[in-house]
Amino acid sequence: MEAAVNGMNWRPDTLAVRGGLSRSGFDETAEAIYATSGFVYSSAAEAEAAFAGDIDRFVYGRYGNPTVAMFEERLRLLEGAEACIATASGMAAVWAALACQLSAGDRVVASRALFGSCTVILTEILPRFGVETVLVDGTDLDQWRAALEPGADAVFLETPSNPGLEVIDIAAVSELAHAAGATVVVDNIFASPVLQKPLELGADVIVYSATKHIDGQGRTL
């Protein structure tokens, strides 16, 4: 796959290094780290417009800063996605991807082979808010079909799974899920966008813990 960036077709290996890069006026060779909680504005009126969302400016480090924005844009380009949002942790990303679209009375169908913390979110936390979770054997399309037959609001799966390496047919499950009216969320942590692109296989949302294989060494915060 190639992606058009600023009029150029960049391959994935180039995107991984240069995608989303925005240099400051100092022409640094690597991405700058902006360790600031706030930003300066030329006037009170500009600050008011920024905080109101009327102009595109950074307003508070917790919401975003140039360093995080470069990471988001790079990952968006690698995935071929419409948008990317970085959260404080992988579990925050999983929770946000599900909680933003679910309400009491909704139903989630998920693969059984999941990272432990994802299982807790699905089977312990979401039910506290009135969301039903049904777990299936992710490799068995008949189980997906039966679980989705009554209808569903979201599907969550992880493939290859961590740590069992269970592989799920994303395209087939996505087709069944969409027919049932469900949004498909894929945890792509093991494969990374280099080896697997769930959006191209029919998924709607992708989540990651960036401290694992995107970092490559599991030691970056």
C-alpha atoms as a PDB file:
ATOM      1  CA  MET A   1       0.000   0.000   0.000  1.00  0.00           C
ATOM      2  CA  GLU A   2       1.116   3.540  -0.741  1.00  0.00           C
ATOM      3  CA  ALA A   3      -0.322   6.709   0.760  1.00  0.00           C
ATOM      4  CA  ALA A   4      -0.474  10.154  -0.803  1.00  0.00           C
ATOM      5  CA  VAL A   5       1.190  12.626   1.558  1.00  0.00           C
ATOM      6  CA  ASN A   6       1.610  16.248   0.488  1.00  0.00           C
ATOM      7  CA  GLY A   7       1.280  15.173  -3.129  1.00  0.00           C
ATOM      8  CA  MET A   8       3.777  12.317  -2.790  1.00  0.00           C
ATOM      9  CA  ASN A   9       3.156   8.581  -2.672  1.00  0.00           C
ATOM     10  CA  TRP A  10       4.986   7.291   0.397  1.00  0.00           C
ATOM     11  CA  ARG A  11       5.423   3.627   1.198  1.00  0.00           C
ATOM     12  CA  PRO A  12       4.662   2.321   4.715  1.00  0.00           C
ATOM     13  CA  ASP A  13       8.322   2.282   5.767  1.00  0.00           C
ATOM     14  CA  THR A  14       8.635   5.975   4.875  1.00  0.00           C
ATOM     15  CA  LEU A  15       5.351   6.821   6.595  1.00  0.00           C
ATOM     16  CA  ALA A  16       6.588   5.098   9.748  1.00  0.00           C
ATOM     17  CA  VAL A  17       9.562   7.463   9.852  1.00  0.00           C
ATOM     18  CA  ARG A  18       8.297  10.677   8.249  1.00  0.00           C
ATOM     19  CA  GLY A  19       4.503  10.590   8.295  1.00  0.00           C
ATOM     20  CA  GLY A  20       2.963  13.513  10.172  1.00  0.00           C
ATOM     21  CA  LEU A  21       6.333  15.143  10.895  1.00  0.00           C
ATOM     22  CA  SER A  22       5.993  18.868  11.585  1.00  0.00           C
ATOM     23  CA  ARG A  23       9.245  20.661  12.368  1.00  0.00           C
ATOM     24  CA  SER A  24       9.440  23.773  14.498  1.00  0.00           C
ATOM     25  CA  GLY A  25      11.402  26.859  13.519  1.00  0.00           C
ATOM     26  CA  PHE A  26      14.562  25.219  14.833  1.00  0.00           C
ATOM     27  CA  ASP A  27      14.680  22.554  12.071  1.00  0.00           C
ATOM     28  CA  GLU A  28      15.244  19.612  14.423  1.00  0.00           C
ATOM     29  CA  THR A  29      15.952  16.228  12.838  1.00  0.00           C
ATOM     30  CA  ALA A  30      13.632  14.297  15.186  1.00  0.00           C
ATOM     31  CA  GLU A  31      10.160  15.059  16.493  1.00  0.00           C
ATOM     32  CA  ALA A  32      10.278  17.736  19.179  1.00  0.00           C
ATOM     33  CA  ILE A  33       8.842  16.905  22.607  1.00  0.00           C
ATOM     34  CA  TYR A  34       6.561  19.683  23.798  1.00  0.00           C
ATOM     35  CA  ALA A  35       6.524  19.527  27.596  1.00  0.00           C
ATOM     36  CA  THR A  36       3.992  22.298  28.114  1.00  0.00           C
ATOM     37  CA  SER A  37       0.502  22.382  29.562  1.00  0.00           C
ATOM     38  CA  GLY A  38      -0.527  25.635  27.897  1.00  0.00           C
ATOM     39  CA  PHE A  39       0.003  27.755  24.798  1.00  0.00           C
ATOM     40  CA  VAL A  40       0.462  31.469  24.088  1.00  0.00           C
ATOM     41  CA  TYR A  41      -2.024  33.531  22.078  1.00  0.00           C
ATOM     42  CA  SER A  42      -1.568  36.927  20.460  1.00  0.00           C
ATOM     43  CA  SER A  43      -4.649  38.355  22.140  1.00  0.00           C
ATOM     44  CA  ALA A  44      -7.458  37.572  24.546  1.00  0.00           C
ATOM     45  CA  ALA A  45      -9.793  37.374  21.568  1.00  0.00           C
ATOM     46  CA  GLU A  46      -7.620  34.711  19.934  1.00  0.00           C
ATOM     47  CA  ALA A  47      -7.522  32.730  23.176  1.00  0.00           C
ATOM     48  CA  GLU A  48     -11.306  32.938  23.470  1.00  0.00           C
ATOM     49  CA  ALA A  49     -11.725  31.716  19.893  1.00  0.00           C
ATOM     50  CA  ALA A  50      -9.278  28.851  20.475  1.00  0.00           C
ATOM     51  CA  PHE A  51     -11.024  27.632  23.623  1.00  0.00           C
ATOM     52  CA  ALA A  52     -14.410  27.948  21.922  1.00  0.00           C
ATOM     53  CA  GLY A  53     -13.178  25.756  19.076  1.00  0.00           C
ATOM     54  CA  ASP A  54     -13.711  28.490  16.502  1.00  0.00           C
ATOM     55  CA  ILE A  55     -10.079  28.321  15.340  1.00  0.00           C
ATOM     56  CA  ASP A  56      -7.715  25.366  15.071  1.00  0.00           C
ATOM     57  CA  ARG A  57      -5.211  25.928  17.888  1.00  0.00           C
ATOM     58  CA  PHE A  58      -3.838  23.852  20.752  1.00  0.00           C
ATOM     59  CA  VAL A  59      -5.422  24.941  24.025  1.00  0.00           C
ATOM     60  CA  TYR A  60      -4.356  22.557  26.784  1.00  0.00           C
ATOM     61  CA  GLY A  61      -1.684  19.874  26.915  1.00  0.00           C
ATOM     62  CA  ARG A  62      -4.134  17.302  28.247  1.00  0.00           C
ATOM     63  CA  TYR A  63      -6.260  17.643  25.119  1.00  0.00           C
ATOM     64  CA  GLY A  64      -3.378  17.600  22.663  1.00  0.00           C
ATOM     65  CA  ASN A  65      -0.029  19.089  21.759  1.00  0.00           C
ATOM     66  CA  PRO A  66       2.221  19.111  18.660  1.00  0.00           C
ATOM     67  CA  THR A  67       4.095  15.964  19.754  1.00  0.00           C
ATOM     68  CA  VAL A  68       0.915  13.929  20.191  1.00  0.00           C
ATOM     69  CA  ALA A  69      -0.565  15.403  17.011  1.00  0.00           C
ATOM     70  CA  MET A  70       2.417  14.158  14.986  1.00  0.00           C
ATOM     71  CA  PHE A  71       1.975  10.659  16.431  1.00  0.00           C
ATOM     72  CA  GLU A  72      -1.751  10.700  15.670  1.00  0.00           C
ATOM     73  CA  GLU A  73      -1.209  11.819  12.083  1.00  0.00           C
ATOM     74  CA  ARG A  74       1.516   9.235  11.486  1.00  0.00           C
ATOM     75  CA  LEU A  75      -0.651   6.392  12.756  1.00  0.00           C
ATOM     76  CA  ARG A  76      -3.626   7.687  10.783  1.00  0.00           C
ATOM     77  CA  LEU A  77      -1.571   7.619   7.593  1.00  0.00           C
ATOM     78  CA  LEU A  78      -0.243   4.125   8.299  1.00  0.00           C
ATOM     79  CA  GLU A  79      -3.782   2.826   8.818  1.00  0.00           C
ATOM     80  CA  GLY A  80      -5.383   4.771   5.984  1.00  0.00           C
ATOM     81  CA  ALA A  81      -7.896   6.027   8.547  1.00  0.00           C
ATOM     82  CA  GLU A  82     -10.118   9.097   8.604  1.00  0.00           C
ATOM     83  CA  ALA A  83      -8.857  10.235  12.010  1.00  0.00           C
ATOM     84  CA  CYS A  84      -6.752   9.131  14.968  1.00  0.00           C
ATOM     85  CA  ILE A  85      -6.968   9.996  18.659  1.00  0.00           C
ATOM     86  CA  ALA A  86      -4.206   9.170  21.148  1.00  0.00           C
ATOM     87  CA  THR A  87      -5.256   8.395  24.720  1.00  0.00           C
ATOM     88  CA  ALA A  88      -3.318   8.025  27.955  1.00  0.00           C
ATOM     89  CA  SER A  89      -3.258   4.210  27.715  1.00  0.00           C
ATOM     90  CA  GLY A  90      -4.343   1.307  25.559  1.00  0.00           C
ATOM     91  CA  MET A  91      -7.203   0.473  27.908  1.00  0.00           C
ATOM     92  CA  ALA A  92      -8.374   4.083  27.720  1.00  0.00           C
ATOM     93  CA  ALA A  93      -8.499   3.648  23.939  1.00  0.00           C
ATOM     94  CA  VAL A  94     -10.526   0.428  24.249  1.00  0.00           C
ATOM     95  CA  TRP A  95     -12.922   2.020  26.725  1.00  0.00           C
ATOM     96  CA  ALA A  96     -13.348   5.155  24.597  1.00  0.00           C
ATOM     97  CA  ALA A  97     -13.971   3.136  21.424  1.00  0.00           C
ATOM     98  CA  LEU A  98     -16.792   1.230  23.124  1.00  0.00           C
ATOM     99  CA  ALA A  99     -18.254   3.709  25.618  1.00  0.00           C
ATOM    100  CA  CYS A 100     -18.672   6.475  23.033  1.00  0.00           C
ATOM    101  CA  GLN A 101     -21.155   4.368  21.072  1.00  0.00           C
ATOM    102  CA  LEU A 102     -22.912   2.247  23.706  1.00  0.00           C
ATOM    103  CA  SER A 103     -25.790   2.979  26.063  1.00  0.00           C
ATOM    104  CA  ALA A 104     -27.802   1.010  28.605  1.00  0.00           C
ATOM    105  CA  GLY A 105     -29.680  -1.765  26.834  1.00  0.00           C
ATOM    106  CA  ASP A 106     -27.131  -2.121  24.037  1.00  0.00           C
ATOM    107  CA  ARG A 107     -25.430  -5.374  23.135  1.00  0.00           C
ATOM    108  CA  VAL A 108     -21.791  -6.255  22.368  1.00  0.00           C
ATOM    109  CA  VAL A 109     -20.546  -9.476  20.787  1.00  0.00           C
ATOM    110  CA  ALA A 110     -16.837 -10.159  21.325  1.00  0.00           C
ATOM    111  CA  SER A 111     -14.281 -12.852  20.702  1.00  0.00           C
ATOM    112  CA  ARG A 112     -13.419 -14.883  23.798  1.00  0.00           C
ATOM    113  CA  ALA A 113      -9.631 -14.783  23.298  1.00  0.00           C
ATOM    114  CA  LEU A 114      -8.802 -11.268  24.479  1.00  0.00           C
ATOM    115  CA  PHE A 115      -6.168  -9.459  26.506  1.00  0.00           C
ATOM    116  CA  GLY A 116      -7.183  -9.762  30.160  1.00  0.00           C
ATOM    117  CA  SER A 117      -7.943  -6.082  30.727  1.00  0.00           C
ATOM    118  CA  CYS A 118     -10.180  -6.009  27.642  1.00  0.00           C
ATOM    119  CA  THR A 119     -12.134  -8.936  29.059  1.00  0.00           C
ATOM    120  CA  VAL A 120     -12.639  -7.017  32.309  1.00  0.00           C
ATOM    121  CA  ILE A 121     -14.009  -4.005  30.422  1.00  0.00           C
ATOM    122  CA  LEU A 122     -16.404  -6.170  28.432  1.00  0.00           C
ATOM    123  CA  THR A 123     -17.589  -8.598  31.097  1.00  0.00           C
ATOM    124  CA  GLU A 124     -17.383  -6.567  34.309  1.00  0.00           C
ATOM    125  CA  ILE A 125     -17.411  -2.826  33.616  1.00  0.00           C
ATOM    126  CA  LEU A 126     -19.803  -2.434  30.676  1.00  0.00           C
ATOM    127  CA  PRO A 127     -22.500  -4.634  32.302  1.00  0.00           C
ATOM    128  CA  ARG A 128     -22.531  -2.232  35.265  1.00  0.00           C
ATOM    129  CA  PHE A 129     -23.889   0.366  32.844  1.00  0.00           C
ATOM    130  CA  GLY A 130     -26.557  -1.916  31.436  1.00  0.00           C
ATOM    131  CA  VAL A 131     -24.626  -3.163  28.400  1.00  0.00           C
ATOM    132  CA  GLU A 132     -24.893  -6.871  27.582  1.00  0.00           C
ATOM    133  CA  THR A 133     -21.732  -8.690  26.465  1.00  0.00           C
ATOM    134  CA  VAL A 134     -21.769 -12.016  24.621  1.00  0.00           C
ATOM    135  CA  LEU A 135     -18.486 -13.901  24.129  1.00  0.00           C
ATOM    136  CA  VAL A 136     -17.930 -16.319  21.252  1.00  0.00           C
ATOM    137  CA  ASP A 137     -15.190 -18.480  19.801  1.00  0.00           C
ATOM    138  CA  GLY A 138     -13.651 -15.949  17.427  1.00  0.00           C
ATOM    139  CA  THR A 139     -12.623 -18.616  14.926  1.00  0.00           C
ATOM    140  CA  ASP A 140     -16.147 -20.062  14.602  1.00  0.00           C
ATOM    141  CA  LEU A 141     -18.271 -18.074  12.149  1.00  0.00           C
ATOM    142  CA  ASP A 142     -21.363 -20.055  13.121  1.00  0.00           C
ATOM    143  CA  GLN A 143     -21.013 -18.784  16.688  1.00  0.00           C
ATOM    144  CA  TRP A 144     -20.632 -15.210  15.417  1.00  0.00           C
ATOM    145  CA  ARG A 145     -23.676 -15.662  13.210  1.00  0.00           C
ATOM    146  CA  ALA A 146     -25.813 -17.040  16.049  1.00  0.00           C
ATOM    147  CA  ALA A 147     -24.724 -14.358  18.511  1.00  0.00           C
ATOM    148  CA  LEU A 148     -25.344 -11.559  16.005  1.00  0.00           C
ATOM    149  CA  GLU A 149     -28.688 -12.873  14.770  1.00  0.00           C
ATOM    150  CA  PRO A 150     -30.716 -11.024  17.464  1.00  0.00           C
ATOM    151  CA  GLY A 151     -28.854  -7.830  16.550  1.00  0.00           C
ATOM    152  CA  ALA A 152     -25.908  -6.042  18.141  1.00  0.00           C
ATOM    153  CA  ASP A 153     -24.531  -2.548  18.558  1.00  0.00           C
ATOM    154  CA  ALA A 154     -20.809  -3.313  18.610  1.00  0.00           C
ATOM    155  CA  VAL A 155     -18.409  -6.141  17.869  1.00  0.00           C
ATOM    156  CA  PHE A 156     -15.010  -6.323  19.539  1.00  0.00           C
ATOM    157  CA  LEU A 157     -12.227  -8.678  18.537  1.00  0.00           C
ATOM    158  CA  GLU A 158      -8.478  -9.051  18.843  1.00  0.00           C
ATOM    159  CA  THR A 159      -6.496 -10.753  16.106  1.00  0.00           C
ATOM    160  CA  PRO A 160      -3.967 -12.192  16.367  1.00  0.00           C
ATOM    161  CA  SER A 161      -4.896 -12.477  20.028  1.00  0.00           C
ATOM    162  CA  ASN A 162      -2.491 -11.745  22.881  1.00  0.00           C
ATOM    163  CA  PRO A 163      -0.917 -14.067  23.913  1.00  0.00           C
ATOM    164  CA  GLY A 164      -2.588 -17.079  22.229  1.00  0.00           C
ATOM    165  CA  LEU A 165      -2.191 -15.818  18.638  1.00  0.00           C
ATOM    166  CA  GLU A 166      -5.746 -16.796  17.692  1.00  0.00           C
ATOM    167  CA  VAL A 167      -6.453 -15.537  14.158  1.00  0.00           C
ATOM    168  CA  ILE A 168      -9.944 -14.288  13.260  1.00  0.00           C
ATOM    169  CA  ASP A 169     -11.362 -13.648   9.790  1.00  0.00           C
ATOM    170  CA  ILE A 170     -11.904  -9.889  10.084  1.00  0.00           C
ATOM    171  CA  ALA A 171     -13.601  -9.569   6.701  1.00  0.00           C
ATOM    172  CA  ALA A 172     -16.132 -12.329   7.375  1.00  0.00           C
ATOM    173  CA  VAL A 173     -16.941 -11.140  10.893  1.00  0.00           C
ATOM    174  CA  SER A 174     -17.254  -7.528   9.703  1.00  0.00           C
ATOM    175  CA  GLU A 175     -19.761  -8.568   7.052  1.00  0.00           C
ATOM    176  CA  LEU A 176     -21.870 -10.401   9.636  1.00  0.00           C
ATOM    177  CA  ALA A 177     -21.571  -7.544  12.120  1.00  0.00           C
ATOM    178  CA  HIS A 178     -22.613  -4.849   9.676  1.00  0.00           C
ATOM    179  CA  ALA A 179     -25.612  -6.919   8.610  1.00  0.00           C
ATOM    180  CA  ALA A 180     -26.621  -6.967  12.286  1.00  0.00           C
ATOM    181  CA  GLY A 181     -26.148  -3.203  12.617  1.00  0.00           C
ATOM    182  CA  ALA A 182     -22.958  -3.366  14.666  1.00  0.00           C
ATOM    183  CA  THR A 183     -19.796  -1.276  14.573  1.00  0.00           C
ATOM    184  CA  VAL A 184     -16.628  -3.398  14.378  1.00  0.00           C
ATOM    185  CA  VAL A 185     -13.758  -2.546  16.739  1.00  0.00           C
ATOM    186  CA  VAL A 186     -10.485  -4.435  16.219  1.00  0.00           C
ATOM    187  CA  ASP A 187      -7.572  -4.576  18.639  1.00  0.00           C
ATOM    188  CA  ASN A 188      -4.679  -4.775  16.173  1.00  0.00           C
ATOM    189  CA  ILE A 189      -1.921  -4.704  18.778  1.00  0.00           C
ATOM    190  CA  PHE A 190      -0.086  -7.873  17.761  1.00  0.00           C
ATOM    191  CA  ALA A 191       0.064  -7.293  14.004  1.00  0.00           C
ATOM    192  CA  SER A 192       0.455  -3.483  13.948  1.00  0.00           C
ATOM    193  CA  PRO A 193      -0.454  -1.513  10.808  1.00  0.00           C
ATOM    194  CA  VAL A 194       2.656  -2.874   9.107  1.00  0.00           C
ATOM    195  CA  LEU A 195       1.307  -6.430   8.902  1.00  0.00           C
ATOM    196  CA  GLN A 196      -2.482  -5.980   9.034  1.00  0.00           C
ATOM    197  CA  LYS A 197      -4.880  -3.178   8.143  1.00  0.00           C
ATOM    198  CA  PRO A 198      -8.312  -3.969   9.634  1.00  0.00           C
ATOM    199  CA  LEU A 199     -10.005  -0.996   7.956  1.00  0.00           C
ATOM    200  CA  GLU A 200      -9.231  -2.493   4.555  1.00  0.00           C
ATOM    201  CA  LEU A 201     -10.872  -5.730   5.742  1.00  0.00           C
ATOM    202  CA  GLY A 202     -14.105  -4.043   6.811  1.00  0.00           C
ATOM    203  CA  ALA A 203     -13.474  -2.930  10.397  1.00  0.00           C
ATOM    204  CA  ASP A 204     -14.689   0.495  11.536  1.00  0.00           C
ATOM    205  CA  VAL A 205     -12.389   1.283  14.465  1.00  0.00           C
ATOM    206  CA  ILE A 206      -8.889   0.113  15.417  1.00  0.00           C
ATOM    207  CA  VAL A 207      -7.381   0.291  18.901  1.00  0.00           C
ATOM    208  CA  TYR A 208      -3.822  -0.144  20.132  1.00  0.00           C
ATOM    209  CA  SER A 209      -1.616  -0.113  23.165  1.00  0.00           C
ATOM    210  CA  ALA A 210       1.216   1.889  21.610  1.00  0.00           C
ATOM    211  CA  THR A 211       3.691   0.824  24.302  1.00  0.00           C
ATOM    212  CA  LYS A 212       3.802  -2.670  22.814  1.00  0.00           C
ATOM    213  CA  HIS A 213       4.509  -3.387  19.149  1.00  0.00           C
ATOM    214  CA  ILE A 214       4.165   0.154  17.815  1.00  0.00           C
ATOM    215  CA  ASP A 215       7.003   1.095  20.150  1.00  0.00           C
ATOM    216  CA  GLY A 216       8.719  -2.152  19.190  1.00  0.00           C
ATOM    217  CA  GLN A 217      10.357  -2.689  22.546  1.00  0.00           C
ATOM    218  CA  GLY A 218       7.606  -2.347  25.130  1.00  0.00           C
ATOM    219  CA  ARG A 219       9.440   0.301  27.106  1.00  0.00           C
ATOM    220  CA  THR A 220       8.177   3.664  25.873  1.00  0.00           C
ATOM    221  CA  LEU A 221       5.642   5.786  27.750  1.00  0.00           C
END
